[in-house]
Amino acid sequence: MGGPTVDDLRERVRGTVITPADEGYEEARRVYNAMVDRRPAVVVRVANAGDVMASVDYARENGLELAVRGGAHSAPGFGTCDGGLVIDFAGLHGVRIDPERRTARCDGGVTWGDLNAAGYAFGLGVTGGIISTTGIAGLTLGGGFGHLARGLGLSCDNLLSLDVVTADGRFRTVSEEREPDLFWALRGGGGNFGAVTSFEYRLSPVRDVVAGPVVYELEHAPAVLRFYREFIRDAPEELGLFPGFHVAPPLPFIPEDRVGDRFVILFPCWNGPAGEADKVLAPLRDAAPVFAEGVATMPHPAFAGAFDALLPPGLQQYWKGLFAAELTDDAIAVHLEQGPRIPTVNSALHVYPINGACHRVAPGDTAFAYRDATFATVIAGAWPDPADNAANVSWVRDYYAALAPHSFEAGYIGFMDHDDQHRVEVNYKGNYARLVQLKRRYDPGNLFHLNQNIKP
């Protein structure tokens, strides 16, 4: 007697089951990073939590590789696989805001753009990603940085509960009160412990922000980076701020003859009283001569999606990340050498601050262990032409190799690529042993292994 077939799976799920023989397979198998080209045996576009349970059971019972896809933004392409089963949350974008409790309940396929827009109507929000097309799932499960982190903490710090399907096919609701060990692991432990079907967040007042790029010539990069290092230590926590190296895109405030040139840029996002914005942001304009500026009062969702146009689906992408306690003079010297070599308008070097509210959570309170880090650097290579892969991957790797001696050994798991599995233990620091124990309890067969994997 044969085992379960794809037809059996179709009978068990409400959503769409797509195989290589079905129309739409080529679109269904693609992920955000065009460097990743894999061919799963079946993609299940789930319609509900029951579909997720059936898909997990089917993969486990048939010994299939299992990938879970939320926003599909994983740089290593963990949202797909060769010859296995993909659980695709692409059709589940429901967000329910409770304005009295100040909470949001979000489906597993929700993006930060979905959540930001839903919360804006109520003047509420939560720390989300820098690119609004990113799924809430992968970013939150890894910790979650964004413009609001200094004031509101990491995305995972604002979780109240999650619904998750574990490797045994069981549906579980976890919180501080219900299965607190699993709740702890899901706040920073990545996709190692199950497929999350919904997230419940605590929301905070967020509506219009004063935000936008402040652009400086490269010759002023030393002054800008030293200013940022000192200023961010004690800046008001309502201020999100990070520096970056960028190739200038065509924007209204960039002279046409300077589009395509390289600049150092500060990106402020003020979520405090509007009347205080000029005073708070004045030091940025005094740090060095300002070449151009796009700071304005705007809806929070507008600024949260400001980078989206530079990073459409279909680019080649390769990333690296590092944590640091300080932005030392030696680290700044590396940035001054490597940052101006940024290869494309789609690429970025950002140094995100993770102090303020992020430091008021102890390292052992969540699986995200690096509460002693002040900065999280991402070297994000992105470009359209596969012919440029070798040169642009080298830019990322060279930058990382030069910066590593001036950083912690670890980095944020959301900034890791496919060749970073050897860093998993240090990326979880003192929490790794507990995470291994919980992996043995909830996924002893390592069904959920397409991630920065914690091996049981």
Protein backbone atom coordinates (compact mmCIF):
# COMPACT_ATOMS: atom_id res chain seq x y z
CA MET A 1 0.00 0.00 0.00
CA GLY A 2 1.51 3.34 -1.08
CA GLY A 3 2.03 6.41 1.05
CA PRO A 4 0.10 9.66 0.81
CA THR A 5 0.01 11.29 -2.62
CA VAL A 6 -0.28 14.92 -3.67
CA ASP A 7 -3.94 14.22 -4.43
CA ASP A 8 -4.35 13.15 -0.80
CA LEU A 9 -2.82 16.47 0.25
CA ARG A 10 -5.19 18.37 -2.04
CA GLU A 11 -8.13 16.67 -0.34
CA ARG A 12 -6.86 17.74 3.09
CA VAL A 13 -6.29 21.44 2.46
CA ARG A 14 -8.47 24.39 1.57
CA GLY A 15 -5.69 26.34 -0.12
CA THR A 16 -4.01 25.79 -3.48
CA VAL A 17 -1.61 22.91 -4.04
CA ILE A 18 0.82 23.61 -6.89
CA THR A 19 3.17 21.05 -8.44
CA PRO A 20 5.56 21.33 -11.43
CA ALA A 21 2.74 20.05 -13.66
CA ASP A 22 0.38 22.86 -12.64
CA GLU A 23 -0.14 26.26 -14.19
CA GLY A 24 1.46 28.95 -12.08
CA TYR A 25 4.30 26.77 -10.81
CA GLU A 26 7.06 28.98 -12.19
CA GLU A 27 5.66 31.99 -10.36
CA ALA A 28 4.92 29.99 -7.20
CA ARG A 29 8.46 28.66 -6.86
CA ARG A 30 10.19 32.06 -7.09
CA VAL A 31 11.46 33.98 -4.08
CA TYR A 32 12.62 37.56 -3.61
CA ASN A 33 16.32 36.85 -4.21
CA ALA A 34 16.75 35.93 -7.88
CA MET A 35 20.10 34.32 -7.07
CA VAL A 36 18.06 31.48 -5.54
CA ASP A 37 16.62 29.13 -8.20
CA ARG A 38 15.05 26.03 -6.67
CA ARG A 39 12.32 23.64 -7.72
CA PRO A 40 10.12 22.31 -4.91
CA ALA A 41 7.97 19.25 -5.49
CA VAL A 42 4.92 21.02 -4.15
CA VAL A 43 3.94 24.51 -3.01
CA VAL A 44 0.94 24.80 -0.69
CA ARG A 45 -0.61 28.27 -0.63
CA VAL A 46 -2.29 27.80 2.70
CA ALA A 47 -5.71 29.27 3.49
CA ASN A 48 -5.79 28.61 7.22
CA ALA A 49 -3.97 27.01 10.13
CA GLY A 50 -5.45 23.61 9.29
CA ASP A 51 -3.68 23.72 5.94
CA VAL A 52 -0.39 24.37 7.74
CA MET A 53 -0.99 21.40 10.05
CA ALA A 54 -1.78 19.12 7.08
CA SER A 55 1.29 20.33 5.19
CA VAL A 56 3.63 19.79 8.13
CA ASP A 57 2.24 16.28 8.59
CA TYR A 58 2.59 15.53 4.88
CA ALA A 59 6.22 16.68 4.77
CA ARG A 60 7.14 14.76 7.92
CA GLU A 61 5.35 11.55 6.89
CA ASN A 62 6.96 11.58 3.43
CA GLY A 63 10.45 12.60 4.50
CA LEU A 64 10.31 15.78 2.44
CA GLU A 65 12.36 18.92 2.90
CA LEU A 66 10.10 21.58 4.40
CA ALA A 67 10.39 25.30 3.69
CA VAL A 68 8.20 28.01 5.22
CA ARG A 69 7.63 31.20 3.26
CA GLY A 70 6.17 34.38 4.71
CA GLY A 71 7.36 37.49 2.89
CA ALA A 72 9.93 35.45 0.87
CA HIS A 73 12.66 38.03 1.65
CA SER A 74 15.19 35.58 3.10
CA ALA A 75 18.52 36.41 1.45
CA PRO A 76 19.64 32.74 1.54
CA GLY A 77 16.30 31.69 0.03
CA PHE A 78 15.13 29.65 2.99
CA GLY A 79 11.53 30.06 1.77
CA THR A 80 12.02 27.43 -0.92
CA CYS A 81 13.80 24.13 -1.54
CA ASP A 82 14.60 21.54 -4.17
CA GLY A 83 12.27 18.55 -4.28
CA GLY A 84 10.45 19.36 -1.04
CA LEU A 85 7.29 21.08 0.21
CA VAL A 86 6.88 24.83 0.58
CA ILE A 87 4.29 26.23 2.98
CA ASP A 88 3.45 29.58 1.38
CA PHE A 89 1.56 32.19 3.45
CA ALA A 90 1.27 34.59 0.49
CA GLY A 91 -2.54 34.62 0.59
CA LEU A 92 -2.89 35.35 4.31
CA HIS A 93 -2.62 39.11 4.89
CA GLY A 94 -5.28 39.73 7.52
CA VAL A 95 -4.59 42.33 10.24
CA ARG A 96 -7.03 43.04 13.06
CA ILE A 97 -6.35 46.13 15.19
CA ASP A 98 -7.89 46.37 18.65
CA PRO A 99 -7.61 50.11 19.42
CA GLU A 100 -8.80 49.74 23.02
CA ARG A 101 -6.25 47.08 23.96
CA ARG A 102 -3.69 48.56 21.54
CA THR A 103 -2.95 45.21 19.94
CA ALA A 104 -2.71 43.77 16.45
CA ARG A 105 -3.43 40.19 15.43
CA CYS A 106 -1.70 39.40 12.12
CA ASP A 107 -1.75 36.41 9.78
CA GLY A 108 1.52 34.68 8.98
CA GLY A 109 1.77 36.22 5.49
CA VAL A 110 1.40 39.83 6.61
CA THR A 111 4.10 42.27 5.50
CA TRP A 112 5.25 45.30 7.44
CA GLY A 113 3.48 47.45 4.86
CA ASP A 114 0.21 45.67 5.69
CA LEU A 115 0.64 46.14 9.43
CA ASN A 116 1.89 49.73 9.20
CA ALA A 117 -1.09 50.75 7.06
CA ALA A 118 -3.62 49.01 9.29
CA GLY A 119 -2.20 50.57 12.45
CA TYR A 120 -1.89 54.06 10.98
CA ALA A 121 -5.66 54.51 10.85
CA PHE A 122 -5.67 54.18 14.64
CA GLY A 123 -2.44 56.10 15.30
CA LEU A 124 -0.72 52.90 16.41
CA GLY A 125 2.34 50.96 15.34
CA VAL A 126 5.21 48.71 16.31
CA THR A 127 8.87 48.30 15.40
CA GLY A 128 9.06 46.88 11.88
CA GLY A 129 11.51 46.44 9.06
CA ILE A 130 13.35 49.01 6.95
CA ILE A 131 11.74 47.55 3.79
CA SER A 132 7.97 47.37 4.10
CA THR A 133 7.58 44.46 1.67
CA THR A 134 9.42 42.27 4.20
CA GLY A 135 7.23 39.72 5.97
CA ILE A 136 6.60 40.23 9.67
CA ALA A 137 7.30 36.54 10.35
CA GLY A 138 10.97 36.14 9.52
CA LEU A 139 11.94 39.54 10.87
CA THR A 140 10.07 39.17 14.17
CA LEU A 141 11.22 35.59 14.81
CA GLY A 142 14.83 36.74 14.42
CA GLY A 143 14.43 39.75 16.73
CA GLY A 144 13.43 42.63 14.49
CA PHE A 145 15.10 46.03 13.99
CA GLY A 146 13.56 49.14 12.52
CA HIS A 147 13.12 52.90 12.76
CA LEU A 148 11.17 52.64 16.03
CA ALA A 149 13.42 50.18 17.91
CA ARG A 150 15.14 52.70 20.22
CA GLY A 151 11.81 53.82 21.59
CA LEU A 152 9.71 50.66 21.39
CA GLY A 153 12.24 47.82 21.51
CA LEU A 154 12.71 45.03 18.99
CA SER A 155 9.76 43.57 17.12
CA CYS A 156 9.98 40.41 19.24
CA ASP A 157 9.89 42.49 22.43
CA ASN A 158 6.39 43.58 21.48
CA LEU A 159 4.97 40.09 20.96
CA LEU A 160 2.09 39.09 23.23
CA SER A 161 1.35 35.67 21.74
CA LEU A 162 1.79 33.49 18.67
CA ASP A 163 -0.09 30.63 17.05
CA VAL A 164 2.41 28.06 15.81
CA VAL A 165 2.32 24.61 14.24
CA THR A 166 5.20 22.53 15.53
CA ALA A 167 6.94 19.57 13.87
CA ASP A 168 4.43 17.07 15.30
CA GLY A 169 1.64 18.86 13.42
CA ARG A 170 0.13 20.29 16.62
CA PHE A 171 -1.37 23.76 16.72
CA ARG A 172 -0.24 25.67 19.79
CA THR A 173 -0.96 29.14 21.14
CA VAL A 174 2.06 30.35 23.10
CA SER A 175 2.58 33.34 25.38
CA GLU A 176 4.18 34.18 28.73
CA GLU A 177 1.41 32.14 30.36
CA ARG A 178 1.03 29.28 27.85
CA GLU A 179 4.13 27.25 26.91
CA PRO A 180 6.47 30.05 28.01
CA ASP A 181 9.61 28.11 26.96
CA LEU A 182 8.44 27.96 23.37
CA PHE A 183 7.36 31.62 23.54
CA TRP A 184 10.89 32.46 24.72
CA ALA A 185 12.47 30.53 21.83
CA LEU A 186 10.28 32.12 19.17
CA ARG A 187 11.41 35.60 20.22
CA GLY A 188 14.75 35.53 18.44
CA GLY A 189 15.23 31.83 17.64
CA GLY A 190 14.22 32.22 14.01
CA GLY A 191 12.22 29.60 12.11
CA ASN A 192 13.64 26.65 14.04
CA PHE A 193 10.59 25.78 16.12
CA GLY A 194 7.60 25.71 13.81
CA ALA A 195 5.45 27.53 11.27
CA VAL A 196 3.82 30.57 12.89
CA THR A 197 0.29 31.14 11.61
CA SER A 198 -0.43 34.37 13.50
CA PHE A 199 1.30 37.01 15.61
CA GLU A 200 -0.21 39.22 18.32
CA TYR A 201 1.67 42.48 18.95
CA ARG A 202 1.47 45.20 21.55
CA LEU A 203 1.09 48.53 19.74
CA SER A 204 2.22 52.02 20.72
CA PRO A 205 1.30 55.53 19.54
CA VAL A 206 2.72 56.04 16.03
CA ARG A 207 1.16 58.20 13.33
CA ASP A 208 3.03 60.95 11.48
CA VAL A 209 6.81 61.08 11.79
CA VAL A 210 9.41 63.67 10.87
CA ALA A 211 11.79 61.70 8.72
CA GLY A 212 13.85 61.50 5.55
CA PRO A 213 17.44 61.42 4.31
CA VAL A 214 20.10 63.98 5.19
CA VAL A 215 22.78 63.69 2.49
CA TYR A 216 26.48 64.57 2.81
CA GLU A 217 29.39 64.46 0.40
CA LEU A 218 31.77 61.54 0.94
CA GLU A 219 34.52 63.88 2.10
CA HIS A 220 32.44 64.52 5.22
CA ALA A 221 31.93 60.83 6.03
CA PRO A 222 34.54 60.85 8.85
CA ALA A 223 32.74 63.69 10.63
CA VAL A 224 29.29 62.20 10.02
CA LEU A 225 30.21 58.75 11.40
CA ARG A 226 31.97 60.19 14.46
CA PHE A 227 28.99 62.45 15.09
CA TYR A 228 26.58 59.52 14.84
CA ARG A 229 28.65 57.42 17.24
CA GLU A 230 28.51 60.07 19.97
CA PHE A 231 25.04 61.49 19.33
CA ILE A 232 23.12 58.20 19.31
CA ARG A 233 24.30 57.27 22.82
CA ASP A 234 22.03 59.80 24.54
CA ALA A 235 19.67 60.93 21.79
CA PRO A 236 15.97 60.92 22.72
CA GLU A 237 14.61 57.42 22.32
CA GLU A 238 11.80 58.67 20.09
CA LEU A 239 14.51 59.25 17.47
CA GLY A 240 15.45 56.46 15.12
CA LEU A 241 18.68 57.27 13.30
CA PHE A 242 21.24 55.37 11.27
CA PRO A 243 23.98 56.18 8.74
CA GLY A 244 24.48 54.54 5.41
CA PHE A 245 26.51 54.60 2.23
CA HIS A 246 24.37 54.81 -0.91
CA VAL A 247 24.41 55.45 -4.61
CA ALA A 248 22.00 58.35 -5.12
CA PRO A 249 18.78 57.41 -6.91
CA PRO A 250 16.73 59.97 -8.86
CA LEU A 251 14.94 61.94 -6.13
CA PRO A 252 13.43 65.44 -6.23
CA PHE A 253 16.05 66.89 -3.87
CA ILE A 254 19.08 65.32 -5.64
CA PRO A 255 20.42 67.42 -8.56
CA GLU A 256 20.07 65.50 -11.79
CA ASP A 257 23.79 65.64 -12.51
CA ARG A 258 24.56 63.97 -9.15
CA VAL A 259 22.23 60.99 -9.55
CA GLY A 260 24.43 57.88 -9.48
CA ASP A 261 27.08 59.48 -7.29
CA ARG A 262 27.99 58.01 -3.91
CA PHE A 263 27.13 59.74 -0.64
CA VAL A 264 27.01 59.14 3.09
CA ILE A 265 23.49 59.64 4.42
CA LEU A 266 21.82 59.90 7.83
CA PHE A 267 18.25 58.61 8.07
CA PRO A 268 16.36 60.14 11.01
CA CYS A 269 12.83 59.14 12.02
CA TRP A 270 11.36 61.27 14.81
CA ASN A 271 8.31 59.73 16.51
CA GLY A 272 8.06 62.33 19.27
CA PRO A 273 6.14 65.61 19.56
CA ALA A 274 6.16 67.35 16.18
CA GLY A 275 7.05 70.69 17.74
CA GLU A 276 10.33 69.29 19.04
CA ALA A 277 11.56 67.89 15.73
CA ASP A 278 13.60 70.92 14.62
CA LYS A 279 15.48 71.05 17.92
CA VAL A 280 16.14 67.30 17.95
CA LEU A 281 17.31 67.18 14.33
CA ALA A 282 19.39 70.39 14.40
CA PRO A 283 22.61 68.55 15.40
CA LEU A 284 22.39 66.47 12.20
CA ARG A 285 22.56 69.63 10.14
CA ASP A 286 25.49 70.90 12.18
CA ALA A 287 27.48 67.66 11.98
CA ALA A 288 28.83 68.52 8.50
CA PRO A 289 27.77 70.59 5.49
CA VAL A 290 24.48 69.16 4.17
CA PHE A 291 24.46 68.50 0.43
CA ALA A 292 20.75 67.69 0.16
CA GLU A 293 17.86 66.87 2.45
CA GLY A 294 14.50 65.17 2.17
CA VAL A 295 13.30 65.48 5.76
CA ALA A 296 9.57 66.16 6.06
CA THR A 297 6.53 65.31 8.13
CA MET A 298 4.91 62.23 6.63
CA PRO A 299 2.78 59.23 7.60
CA HIS A 300 4.83 56.55 9.29
CA PRO A 301 3.94 53.97 6.59
CA ALA A 302 5.32 56.29 3.90
CA PHE A 303 8.76 56.49 5.47
CA ALA A 304 8.71 52.83 6.45
CA GLY A 305 8.36 52.03 2.73
CA ALA A 306 10.90 54.57 1.49
CA PHE A 307 13.42 51.91 0.39
CA ASP A 308 10.91 49.62 -1.32
CA ALA A 309 11.40 50.98 -4.84
CA LEU A 310 15.15 50.32 -4.65
CA LEU A 311 14.62 46.66 -3.72
CA PRO A 312 11.98 45.09 -5.97
CA PRO A 313 11.73 41.32 -6.31
CA GLY A 314 14.06 39.77 -8.85
CA LEU A 315 17.40 41.27 -7.87
CA GLN A 316 20.50 39.22 -7.13
CA GLN A 317 21.21 39.54 -3.39
CA TYR A 318 23.98 38.61 -0.95
CA TRP A 319 24.19 39.88 2.65
CA LYS A 320 26.39 39.86 5.73
CA GLY A 321 25.86 41.26 9.24
CA LEU A 322 27.82 42.10 12.38
CA PHE A 323 27.10 43.31 15.90
CA ALA A 324 29.32 45.78 17.75
CA ALA A 325 29.33 47.47 21.13
CA GLU A 326 31.13 50.53 19.77
CA LEU A 327 31.71 52.21 16.44
CA THR A 328 35.45 52.49 16.98
CA ASP A 329 37.90 54.65 15.07
CA ASP A 330 39.24 51.49 13.43
CA ALA A 331 35.73 50.45 12.37
CA ILE A 332 35.11 53.92 10.98
CA ALA A 333 38.34 53.63 8.98
CA VAL A 334 37.00 50.42 7.40
CA HIS A 335 33.72 52.13 6.51
CA LEU A 336 35.59 55.04 4.95
CA GLU A 337 37.55 52.62 2.76
CA GLN A 338 34.81 50.15 1.84
CA GLY A 339 31.60 52.22 1.94
CA PRO A 340 32.41 54.42 -1.07
CA ARG A 341 32.93 51.26 -3.12
CA ILE A 342 29.22 50.41 -2.88
CA PRO A 343 28.49 48.91 -6.30
CA THR A 344 24.85 49.66 -7.15
CA VAL A 345 21.90 51.88 -6.32
CA ASN A 346 20.17 48.81 -4.86
CA SER A 347 22.95 47.99 -2.40
CA ALA A 348 23.34 49.47 1.06
CA LEU A 349 25.60 49.68 4.07
CA HIS A 350 23.60 50.57 7.19
CA VAL A 351 24.65 50.74 10.85
CA TYR A 352 21.47 50.40 12.92
CA PRO A 353 21.34 51.45 16.58
CA ILE A 354 19.96 48.89 19.03
CA ASN A 355 20.19 50.79 22.29
CA GLY A 356 17.45 52.57 24.24
CA ALA A 357 14.48 50.29 24.86
CA CYS A 358 16.35 47.35 23.32
CA HIS A 359 18.79 47.44 26.24
CA ARG A 360 16.05 47.31 28.87
CA VAL A 361 15.42 43.64 28.07
CA ALA A 362 17.91 41.24 29.63
CA PRO A 363 19.94 38.91 27.35
CA GLY A 364 18.22 35.84 28.77
CA ASP A 365 14.67 37.20 28.65
CA THR A 366 14.28 36.32 24.97
CA ALA A 367 16.26 34.14 22.57
CA PHE A 368 17.74 37.32 21.06
CA ALA A 369 20.91 37.43 23.15
CA TYR A 370 22.83 40.50 22.00
CA ARG A 371 21.40 43.08 24.36
CA ASP A 372 24.95 44.35 24.96
CA ALA A 373 25.34 45.28 21.30
CA THR A 374 24.78 48.93 20.42
CA PHE A 375 25.08 48.63 16.65
CA ALA A 376 23.92 46.10 14.07
CA THR A 377 25.64 46.50 10.72
CA VAL A 378 24.25 45.09 7.49
CA ILE A 379 26.25 44.87 4.27
CA ALA A 380 23.47 44.28 1.75
CA GLY A 381 24.54 43.65 -1.80
CA ALA A 382 21.75 43.82 -4.40
CA TRP A 383 22.00 44.19 -8.17
CA PRO A 384 20.04 43.29 -11.29
CA ASP A 385 22.55 41.50 -13.54
CA PRO A 386 23.79 37.98 -12.72
CA ALA A 387 26.92 38.76 -14.70
CA ASP A 388 27.95 41.02 -11.83
CA ASN A 389 27.57 38.33 -9.15
CA ALA A 390 31.23 37.61 -8.55
CA ALA A 391 32.29 41.25 -8.25
CA ASN A 392 29.41 42.29 -6.02
CA VAL A 393 29.61 39.25 -3.74
CA SER A 394 33.31 40.11 -3.34
CA TRP A 395 32.39 43.65 -2.25
CA VAL A 396 30.20 42.23 0.53
CA ARG A 397 32.76 39.63 1.61
CA ASP A 398 35.68 42.06 1.55
CA TYR A 399 33.73 44.60 3.58
CA TYR A 400 32.76 41.95 6.10
CA ALA A 401 36.31 40.58 6.41
CA ALA A 402 37.72 44.06 7.02
CA LEU A 403 35.05 44.97 9.60
CA ALA A 404 35.00 41.66 11.51
CA PRO A 405 38.13 42.37 13.65
CA HIS A 406 36.40 45.49 15.00
CA SER A 407 33.07 43.81 15.78
CA PHE A 408 31.61 40.97 17.80
CA GLU A 409 32.10 37.56 16.26
CA ALA A 410 28.34 37.35 15.78
CA GLY A 411 25.71 39.13 13.75
CA TYR A 412 21.94 39.35 13.43
CA ILE A 413 20.51 36.13 11.99
CA GLY A 414 18.31 38.12 9.60
CA PHE A 415 21.47 39.47 7.96
CA MET A 416 23.11 36.05 7.55
CA ASP A 417 23.41 34.35 4.17
CA HIS A 418 23.57 30.72 3.07
CA ASP A 419 27.26 30.40 3.94
CA ASP A 420 26.89 31.55 7.56
CA GLN A 421 25.69 28.32 9.19
CA HIS A 422 29.02 28.02 11.00
CA ARG A 423 28.15 31.22 12.91
CA VAL A 424 24.86 29.94 14.39
CA GLU A 425 26.20 29.13 17.86
CA VAL A 426 27.94 32.49 18.35
CA ASN A 427 24.93 34.31 16.91
CA TYR A 428 22.89 33.01 19.87
CA LYS A 429 25.66 33.54 22.42
CA GLY A 430 24.66 32.48 25.95
CA ASN A 431 21.19 31.36 24.83
CA TYR A 432 22.40 28.68 22.44
CA ALA A 433 22.40 25.76 24.90
CA ARG A 434 18.82 26.44 25.98
CA LEU A 435 17.74 26.76 22.35
CA VAL A 436 19.27 23.34 21.57
CA GLN A 437 17.34 21.80 24.48
CA LEU A 438 14.09 23.32 23.22
CA LYS A 439 14.83 22.22 19.67
CA ARG A 440 15.17 18.65 20.97
CA ARG A 441 11.80 18.98 22.68
CA TYR A 442 9.80 20.56 19.86
CA ASP A 443 11.63 19.41 16.71
CA PRO A 444 13.88 16.44 17.50
CA GLY A 445 13.99 15.38 13.84
CA ASN A 446 14.99 18.88 12.69
CA LEU A 447 12.08 19.10 10.26
CA PHE A 448 12.40 22.90 10.40
CA HIS A 449 16.01 23.11 9.29
CA LEU A 450 15.87 25.51 6.34
CA ASN A 451 16.93 28.48 8.47
CA GLN A 452 19.98 29.56 10.44
CA ASN A 453 19.71 26.14 11.94
CA ILE A 454 19.87 25.14 15.58
CA LYS A 455 20.62 21.43 15.34
CA PRO A 456 18.96 19.21 17.96
